[in-house]
Amino acid sequence: MSDPATVALELERLRGTVEAGFARVDGALALLVQRSDQTDRQLADHEARLDSLERARWPLASIGALAAVATVVVAALEILAH
């Protein structure tokens, strides 16, 4: 049978090993949470920038369509004038 003092010493070593492992895992999880928060902030920033670009872009298509219609009207008037 094992000596109770030896068992207690081994249990204490095991406890220290487990605590160190938990500390490493806790640190790794904290780092992952921090990176996730940074990614969320970057994604929100990109979404906002994309929304502003989309809002600024749609009038350009309308202006292009109006210019095309105006060109067709001017060309039609020139053809009818001859």
PDB file of N, CA and C in Angstrom:
ATOM      1  N   MET A   1       0.814  -1.178   0.000  1.00  0.00           N
ATOM      2  CA  MET A   1       0.000   0.000   0.000  1.00  0.00           C
ATOM      3  C   MET A   1       0.867   1.255   0.000  1.00  0.00           C
ATOM      4  N   SER A   2       0.361   2.352  -0.551  1.00  0.00           N
ATOM      5  CA  SER A   2       1.122   3.590  -0.660  1.00  0.00           C
ATOM      6  C   SER A   2       1.112   4.352   0.661  1.00  0.00           C
ATOM      7  N   ASP A   3       2.160   5.071   0.836  1.00  0.00           N
ATOM      8  CA  ASP A   3       2.303   5.906   2.025  1.00  0.00           C
ATOM      9  C   ASP A   3       1.362   7.107   1.877  1.00  0.00           C
ATOM     10  N   PRO A   4       0.569   7.464   2.898  1.00  0.00           N
ATOM     11  CA  PRO A   4      -0.346   8.604   2.799  1.00  0.00           C
ATOM     12  C   PRO A   4       0.377   9.913   2.484  1.00  0.00           C
ATOM     13  N   ALA A   5       1.587  10.078   2.958  1.00  0.00           N
ATOM     14  CA  ALA A   5       2.324  11.309   2.672  1.00  0.00           C
ATOM     15  C   ALA A   5       2.685  11.378   1.187  1.00  0.00           C
ATOM     16  N   THR A   6       3.051  10.237   0.597  1.00  0.00           N
ATOM     17  CA  THR A   6       3.384  10.192  -0.824  1.00  0.00           C
ATOM     18  C   THR A   6       2.152  10.494  -1.672  1.00  0.00           C
ATOM     19  N   VAL A   7       1.032   9.926  -1.277  1.00  0.00           N
ATOM     20  CA  VAL A   7      -0.223  10.175  -1.998  1.00  0.00           C
ATOM     21  C   VAL A   7      -0.587  11.649  -1.916  1.00  0.00           C
ATOM     22  N   ALA A   8      -0.445  12.237  -0.742  1.00  0.00           N
ATOM     23  CA  ALA A   8      -0.773  13.649  -0.571  1.00  0.00           C
ATOM     24  C   ALA A   8       0.146  14.518  -1.434  1.00  0.00           C
ATOM     25  N   LEU A   9       1.430  14.162  -1.479  1.00  0.00           N
ATOM     26  CA  LEU A   9       2.386  14.917  -2.288  1.00  0.00           C
ATOM     27  C   LEU A   9       2.046  14.817  -3.775  1.00  0.00           C
ATOM     28  N   GLU A  10       1.715  13.633  -4.227  1.00  0.00           N
ATOM     29  CA  GLU A  10       1.343  13.445  -5.636  1.00  0.00           C
ATOM     30  C   GLU A  10       0.050  14.175  -5.969  1.00  0.00           C
ATOM     31  N   LEU A  11      -0.906  14.161  -5.058  1.00  0.00           N
ATOM     32  CA  LEU A  11      -2.157  14.902  -5.278  1.00  0.00           C
ATOM     33  C   LEU A  11      -1.886  16.403  -5.354  1.00  0.00           C
ATOM     34  N   GLU A  12      -0.981  16.895  -4.536  1.00  0.00           N
ATOM     35  CA  GLU A  12      -0.638  18.313  -4.570  1.00  0.00           C
ATOM     36  C   GLU A  12       0.039  18.671  -5.897  1.00  0.00           C
ATOM     37  N   ARG A  13       0.911  17.816  -6.391  1.00  0.00           N
ATOM     38  CA  ARG A  13       1.545  18.041  -7.697  1.00  0.00           C
ATOM     39  C   ARG A  13       0.501  18.026  -8.810  1.00  0.00           C
ATOM     40  N   LEU A  14      -0.401  17.083  -8.729  1.00  0.00           N
ATOM     41  CA  LEU A  14      -1.466  16.980  -9.727  1.00  0.00           C
ATOM     42  C   LEU A  14      -2.342  18.229  -9.701  1.00  0.00           C
ATOM     43  N   ARG A  15      -2.621  18.714  -8.502  1.00  0.00           N
ATOM     44  CA  ARG A  15      -3.432  19.928  -8.357  1.00  0.00           C
ATOM     45  C   ARG A  15      -2.716  21.107  -9.009  1.00  0.00           C
ATOM     46  N   GLY A  16      -1.409  21.223  -8.792  1.00  0.00           N
ATOM     47  CA  GLY A  16      -0.645  22.311  -9.398  1.00  0.00           C
ATOM     48  C   GLY A  16      -0.636  22.222 -10.915  1.00  0.00           C
ATOM     49  N   THR A  17      -0.511  21.003 -11.425  1.00  0.00           N
ATOM     50  CA  THR A  17      -0.521  20.806 -12.874  1.00  0.00           C
ATOM     51  C   THR A  17      -1.872  21.187 -13.468  1.00  0.00           C
ATOM     52  N   VAL A  18      -2.937  20.793 -12.804  1.00  0.00           N
ATOM     53  CA  VAL A  18      -4.286  21.109 -13.282  1.00  0.00           C
ATOM     54  C   VAL A  18      -4.529  22.617 -13.232  1.00  0.00           C
ATOM     55  N   GLU A  19      -4.093  23.267 -12.151  1.00  0.00           N
ATOM     56  CA  GLU A  19      -4.269  24.718 -12.053  1.00  0.00           C
ATOM     57  C   GLU A  19      -3.493  25.445 -13.149  1.00  0.00           C
ATOM     58  N   ALA A  20      -2.274  24.993 -13.423  1.00  0.00           N
ATOM     59  CA  ALA A  20      -1.489  25.614 -14.494  1.00  0.00           C
ATOM     60  C   ALA A  20      -2.161  25.400 -15.847  1.00  0.00           C
ATOM     61  N   GLY A  21      -2.703  24.222 -16.076  1.00  0.00           N
ATOM     62  CA  GLY A  21      -3.415  23.951 -17.330  1.00  0.00           C
ATOM     63  C   GLY A  21      -4.642  24.826 -17.479  1.00  0.00           C
ATOM     64  N   PHE A  22      -5.396  24.972 -16.391  1.00  0.00           N
ATOM     65  CA  PHE A  22      -6.577  25.842 -16.434  1.00  0.00           C
ATOM     66  C   PHE A  22      -6.180  27.291 -16.694  1.00  0.00           C
ATOM     67  N   ALA A  23      -5.065  27.723 -16.113  1.00  0.00           N
ATOM     68  CA  ALA A  23      -4.606  29.099 -16.338  1.00  0.00           C
ATOM     69  C   ALA A  23      -4.249  29.308 -17.806  1.00  0.00           C
ATOM     70  N   ARG A  24      -3.587  28.337 -18.424  1.00  0.00           N
ATOM     71  CA  ARG A  24      -3.250  28.457 -19.857  1.00  0.00           C
ATOM     72  C   ARG A  24      -4.511  28.481 -20.717  1.00  0.00           C
ATOM     73  N   VAL A  25      -5.447  27.610 -20.399  1.00  0.00           N
ATOM     74  CA  VAL A  25      -6.699  27.572 -21.169  1.00  0.00           C
ATOM     75  C   VAL A  25      -7.469  28.874 -20.984  1.00  0.00           C
ATOM     76  N   ASP A  26      -7.497  29.384 -19.765  1.00  0.00           N
ATOM     77  CA  ASP A  26      -8.193  30.638 -19.491  1.00  0.00           C
ATOM     78  C   ASP A  26      -7.555  31.784 -20.272  1.00  0.00           C
ATOM     79  N   GLY A  27      -6.225  31.814 -20.316  1.00  0.00           N
ATOM     80  CA  GLY A  27      -5.538  32.853 -21.086  1.00  0.00           C
ATOM     81  C   GLY A  27      -5.823  32.750 -22.575  1.00  0.00           C
ATOM     82  N   ALA A  28      -5.836  31.527 -23.082  1.00  0.00           N
ATOM     83  CA  ALA A  28      -6.125  31.331 -24.503  1.00  0.00           C
ATOM     84  C   ALA A  28      -7.550  31.751 -24.834  1.00  0.00           C
ATOM     85  N   LEU A  29      -8.489  31.434 -23.948  1.00  0.00           N
ATOM     86  CA  LEU A  29      -9.881  31.832 -24.180  1.00  0.00           C
ATOM     87  C   LEU A  29     -10.041  33.348 -24.125  1.00  0.00           C
ATOM     88  N   ALA A  30      -9.338  33.994 -23.205  1.00  0.00           N
ATOM     89  CA  ALA A  30      -9.400  35.455 -23.121  1.00  0.00           C
ATOM     90  C   ALA A  30      -8.866  36.083 -24.403  1.00  0.00           C
ATOM     91  N   LEU A  31      -7.796  35.518 -24.944  1.00  0.00           N
ATOM     92  CA  LEU A  31      -7.236  36.026 -26.198  1.00  0.00           C
ATOM     93  C   LEU A  31      -8.229  35.833 -27.344  1.00  0.00           C
ATOM     94  N   LEU A  32      -8.875  34.677 -27.387  1.00  0.00           N
ATOM     95  CA  LEU A  32      -9.862  34.431 -28.447  1.00  0.00           C
ATOM     96  C   LEU A  32     -11.047  35.383 -28.335  1.00  0.00           C
ATOM     97  N   VAL A  33     -11.486  35.665 -27.125  1.00  0.00           N
ATOM     98  CA  VAL A  33     -12.598  36.611 -26.933  1.00  0.00           C
ATOM     99  C   VAL A  33     -12.185  38.002 -27.397  1.00  0.00           C
ATOM    100  N   GLN A  34     -10.951  38.406 -27.059  1.00  0.00           N
ATOM    101  CA  GLN A  34     -10.461  39.717 -27.478  1.00  0.00           C
ATOM    102  C   GLN A  34     -10.404  39.813 -29.007  1.00  0.00           C
ATOM    103  N   ARG A  35      -9.882  38.780 -29.646  1.00  0.00           N
ATOM    104  CA  ARG A  35      -9.816  38.789 -31.112  1.00  0.00           C
ATOM    105  C   ARG A  35     -11.205  38.783 -31.725  1.00  0.00           C
ATOM    106  N   SER A  36     -12.125  38.063 -31.118  1.00  0.00           N
ATOM    107  CA  SER A  36     -13.500  38.031 -31.616  1.00  0.00           C
ATOM    108  C   SER A  36     -14.133  39.419 -31.519  1.00  0.00           C
ATOM    109  N   ASP A  37     -13.881  40.113 -30.404  1.00  0.00           N
ATOM    110  CA  ASP A  37     -14.413  41.468 -30.258  1.00  0.00           C
ATOM    111  C   ASP A  37     -13.824  42.406 -31.309  1.00  0.00           C
ATOM    112  N   GLN A  38     -12.521  42.278 -31.574  1.00  0.00           N
ATOM    113  CA  GLN A  38     -11.897  43.110 -32.596  1.00  0.00           C
ATOM    114  C   GLN A  38     -12.493  42.819 -33.969  1.00  0.00           C
ATOM    115  N   THR A  39     -12.715  41.546 -34.252  1.00  0.00           N
ATOM    116  CA  THR A  39     -13.306  41.160 -35.536  1.00  0.00           C
ATOM    117  C   THR A  39     -14.718  41.708 -35.664  1.00  0.00           C
ATOM    118  N   ASP A  40     -15.483  41.646 -34.572  1.00  0.00           N
ATOM    119  CA  ASP A  40     -16.845  42.200 -34.599  1.00  0.00           C
ATOM    120  C   ASP A  40     -16.823  43.699 -34.871  1.00  0.00           C
ATOM    121  N   ARG A  41     -15.875  44.414 -34.240  1.00  0.00           N
ATOM    122  CA  ARG A  41     -15.781  45.860 -34.474  1.00  0.00           C
ATOM    123  C   ARG A  41     -15.392  46.153 -35.919  1.00  0.00           C
ATOM    124  N   GLN A  42     -14.447  45.397 -36.457  1.00  0.00           N
ATOM    125  CA  GLN A  42     -14.044  45.598 -37.850  1.00  0.00           C
ATOM    126  C   GLN A  42     -15.195  45.301 -38.802  1.00  0.00           C
ATOM    127  N   LEU A  43     -15.932  44.249 -38.523  1.00  0.00           N
ATOM    128  CA  LEU A  43     -17.068  43.895 -39.371  1.00  0.00           C
ATOM    129  C   LEU A  43     -18.133  44.983 -39.332  1.00  0.00           C
ATOM    130  N   ALA A  44     -18.410  45.520 -38.154  1.00  0.00           N
ATOM    131  CA  ALA A  44     -19.396  46.602 -38.039  1.00  0.00           C
ATOM    132  C   ALA A  44     -18.919  47.837 -38.799  1.00  0.00           C
ATOM    133  N   ASP A  45     -17.618  48.133 -38.707  1.00  0.00           N
ATOM    134  CA  ASP A  45     -17.058  49.275 -39.436  1.00  0.00           C
ATOM    135  C   ASP A  45     -17.184  49.074 -40.938  1.00  0.00           C
ATOM    136  N   HIS A  46     -16.855  47.879 -41.410  1.00  0.00           N
ATOM    137  CA  HIS A  46     -16.964  47.596 -42.846  1.00  0.00           C
ATOM    138  C   HIS A  46     -18.409  47.645 -43.319  1.00  0.00           C
ATOM    139  N   GLU A  47     -19.317  47.146 -42.486  1.00  0.00           N
ATOM    140  CA  GLU A  47     -20.740  47.220 -42.851  1.00  0.00           C
ATOM    141  C   GLU A  47     -21.183  48.672 -43.000  1.00  0.00           C
ATOM    142  N   ALA A  48     -20.771  49.525 -42.062  1.00  0.00           N
ATOM    143  CA  ALA A  48     -21.149  50.942 -42.116  1.00  0.00           C
ATOM    144  C   ALA A  48     -20.558  51.606 -43.354  1.00  0.00           C
ATOM    145  N   ARG A  49     -19.294  51.296 -43.645  1.00  0.00           N
ATOM    146  CA  ARG A  49     -18.667  51.882 -44.830  1.00  0.00           C
ATOM    147  C   ARG A  49     -19.335  51.404 -46.108  1.00  0.00           C
ATOM    148  N   LEU A  50     -19.673  50.128 -46.169  1.00  0.00           N
ATOM    149  CA  LEU A  50     -20.346  49.592 -47.346  1.00  0.00           C
ATOM    150  C   LEU A  50     -21.729  50.217 -47.523  1.00  0.00           C
ATOM    151  N   ASP A  51     -22.451  50.383 -46.424  1.00  0.00           N
ATOM    152  CA  ASP A  51     -23.765  51.032 -46.508  1.00  0.00           C
ATOM    153  C   ASP A  51     -23.641  52.457 -47.040  1.00  0.00           C
ATOM    154  N   SER A  52     -22.638  53.195 -46.564  1.00  0.00           N
ATOM    155  CA  SER A  52     -22.482  54.576 -47.045  1.00  0.00           C
ATOM    156  C   SER A  52     -22.101  54.597 -48.525  1.00  0.00           C
ATOM    157  N   LEU A  53     -21.278  53.640 -48.954  1.00  0.00           N
ATOM    158  CA  LEU A  53     -20.938  53.570 -50.381  1.00  0.00           C
ATOM    159  C   LEU A  53     -22.152  53.224 -51.232  1.00  0.00           C
ATOM    160  N   GLU A  54     -22.975  52.318 -50.732  1.00  0.00           N
ATOM    161  CA  GLU A  54     -24.168  51.951 -51.502  1.00  0.00           C
ATOM    162  C   GLU A  54     -25.141  53.121 -51.585  1.00  0.00           C
ATOM    163  N   ARG A  55     -25.270  53.897 -50.509  1.00  0.00           N
ATOM    164  CA  ARG A  55     -26.166  55.056 -50.546  1.00  0.00           C
ATOM    165  C   ARG A  55     -25.639  56.117 -51.507  1.00  0.00           C
ATOM    166  N   ALA A  56     -24.324  56.274 -51.566  1.00  0.00           N
ATOM    167  CA  ALA A  56     -23.742  57.288 -52.448  1.00  0.00           C
ATOM    168  C   ALA A  56     -23.744  56.832 -53.901  1.00  0.00           C
ATOM    169  N   ARG A  57     -23.807  55.542 -54.141  1.00  0.00           N
ATOM    170  CA  ARG A  57     -23.695  55.013 -55.503  1.00  0.00           C
ATOM    171  C   ARG A  57     -25.010  55.071 -56.272  1.00  0.00           C
ATOM    172  N   TRP A  58     -26.144  54.851 -55.617  1.00  0.00           N
ATOM    173  CA  TRP A  58     -27.386  54.719 -56.376  1.00  0.00           C
ATOM    174  C   TRP A  58     -27.738  55.966 -57.173  1.00  0.00           C
ATOM    175  N   PRO A  59     -27.468  57.193 -56.720  1.00  0.00           N
ATOM    176  CA  PRO A  59     -27.790  58.340 -57.578  1.00  0.00           C
ATOM    177  C   PRO A  59     -26.978  58.344 -58.871  1.00  0.00           C
ATOM    178  N   LEU A  60     -25.782  57.789 -58.860  1.00  0.00           N
ATOM    179  CA  LEU A  60     -24.980  57.762 -60.077  1.00  0.00           C
ATOM    180  C   LEU A  60     -25.656  56.946 -61.170  1.00  0.00           C
ATOM    181  N   ALA A  61     -26.268  55.846 -60.817  1.00  0.00           N
ATOM    182  CA  ALA A  61     -26.985  55.046 -61.810  1.00  0.00           C
ATOM    183  C   ALA A  61     -28.179  55.823 -62.358  1.00  0.00           C
ATOM    184  N   SER A  62     -28.869  56.523 -61.486  1.00  0.00           N
ATOM    185  CA  SER A  62     -30.015  57.329 -61.940  1.00  0.00           C
ATOM    186  C   SER A  62     -29.567  58.450 -62.859  1.00  0.00           C
ATOM    187  N   ILE A  63     -28.480  59.095 -62.504  1.00  0.00           N
ATOM    188  CA  ILE A  63     -27.952  60.182 -63.338  1.00  0.00           C
ATOM    189  C   ILE A  63     -27.513  59.626 -64.689  1.00  0.00           C
ATOM    190  N   GLY A  64     -26.879  58.464 -64.689  1.00  0.00           N
ATOM    191  CA  GLY A  64     -26.472  57.831 -65.945  1.00  0.00           C
ATOM    192  C   GLY A  64     -27.670  57.497 -66.810  1.00  0.00           C
ATOM    193  N   ALA A  65     -28.739  56.995 -66.203  1.00  0.00           N
ATOM    194  CA  ALA A  65     -29.946  56.671 -66.964  1.00  0.00           C
ATOM    195  C   ALA A  65     -30.585  57.934 -67.528  1.00  0.00           C
ATOM    196  N   LEU A  66     -30.633  59.000 -66.737  1.00  0.00           N
ATOM    197  CA  LEU A  66     -31.200  60.268 -67.232  1.00  0.00           C
ATOM    198  C   LEU A  66     -30.361  60.834 -68.371  1.00  0.00           C
ATOM    199  N   ALA A  67     -29.044  60.724 -68.263  1.00  0.00           N
ATOM    200  CA  ALA A  67     -28.176  61.213 -69.340  1.00  0.00           C
ATOM    201  C   ALA A  67     -28.401  60.407 -70.611  1.00  0.00           C
ATOM    202  N   ALA A  68     -28.590  59.096 -70.475  1.00  0.00           N
ATOM    203  CA  ALA A  68     -28.852  58.262 -71.649  1.00  0.00           C
ATOM    204  C   ALA A  68     -30.179  58.633 -72.295  1.00  0.00           C
ATOM    205  N   VAL A  69     -31.200  58.857 -71.492  1.00  0.00           N
ATOM    206  CA  VAL A  69     -32.509  59.252 -72.032  1.00  0.00           C
ATOM    207  C   VAL A  69     -32.400  60.609 -72.718  1.00  0.00           C
ATOM    208  N   ALA A  70     -31.670  61.540 -72.106  1.00  0.00           N
ATOM    209  CA  ALA A  70     -31.496  62.861 -72.712  1.00  0.00           C
ATOM    210  C   ALA A  70     -30.756  62.751 -74.045  1.00  0.00           C
ATOM    211  N   THR A  71     -29.775  61.884 -74.123  1.00  0.00           N
ATOM    212  CA  THR A  71     -29.046  61.675 -75.373  1.00  0.00           C
ATOM    213  C   THR A  71     -29.954  61.127 -76.454  1.00  0.00           C
ATOM    214  N   VAL A  72     -30.796  60.165 -76.085  1.00  0.00           N
ATOM    215  CA  VAL A  72     -31.741  59.594 -77.055  1.00  0.00           C
ATOM    216  C   VAL A  72     -32.727  60.664 -77.528  1.00  0.00           C
ATOM    217  N   VAL A  73     -33.198  61.499 -76.629  1.00  0.00           N
ATOM    218  CA  VAL A  73     -34.147  62.558 -77.000  1.00  0.00           C
ATOM    219  C   VAL A  73     -33.474  63.552 -77.946  1.00  0.00           C
ATOM    220  N   VAL A  74     -32.250  63.961 -77.642  1.00  0.00           N
ATOM    221  CA  VAL A  74     -31.532  64.917 -78.497  1.00  0.00           C
ATOM    222  C   VAL A  74     -31.284  64.283 -79.863  1.00  0.00           C
ATOM    223  N   ALA A  75     -30.882  63.032 -79.888  1.00  0.00           N
ATOM    224  CA  ALA A  75     -30.638  62.357 -81.166  1.00  0.00           C
ATOM    225  C   ALA A  75     -31.928  62.246 -81.960  1.00  0.00           C
ATOM    226  N   ALA A  76     -33.035  61.942 -81.301  1.00  0.00           N
ATOM    227  CA  ALA A  76     -34.320  61.840 -82.000  1.00  0.00           C
ATOM    228  C   ALA A  76     -34.737  63.190 -82.554  1.00  0.00           C
ATOM    229  N   LEU A  77     -34.520  64.250 -81.786  1.00  0.00           N
ATOM    230  CA  LEU A  77     -34.880  65.599 -82.274  1.00  0.00           C
ATOM    231  C   LEU A  77     -34.025  65.971 -83.483  1.00  0.00           C
ATOM    232  N   GLU A  78     -32.753  65.618 -83.473  1.00  0.00           N
ATOM    233  CA  GLU A  78     -31.892  65.921 -84.622  1.00  0.00           C
ATOM    234  C   GLU A  78     -32.333  65.150 -85.859  1.00  0.00           C
ATOM    235  N   ILE A  79     -32.724  63.885 -85.665  1.00  0.00           N
ATOM    236  CA  ILE A  79     -33.188  63.078 -86.810  1.00  0.00           C
ATOM    237  C   ILE A  79     -34.489  63.648 -87.344  1.00  0.00           C
ATOM    238  N   LEU A  80     -35.388  64.052 -86.472  1.00  0.00           N
ATOM    239  CA  LEU A  80     -36.663  64.612 -86.931  1.00  0.00           C
ATOM    240  C   LEU A  80     -36.485  66.001 -87.562  1.00  0.00           C
ATOM    241  N   ALA A  81     -35.455  66.726 -87.137  1.00  0.00           N
ATOM    242  CA  ALA A  81     -35.221  68.056 -87.679  1.00  0.00           C
ATOM    243  C   ALA A  81     -34.694  67.992 -89.106  1.00  0.00           C
ATOM    244  N   HIS A  82     -34.050  66.917 -89.509  1.00  0.00           N
ATOM    245  CA  HIS A  82     -33.503  66.806 -90.857  1.00  0.00           C
ATOM    246  C   HIS A  82     -34.529  66.333 -91.782  1.00  0.00           C
TER     247      HIS A  82
END
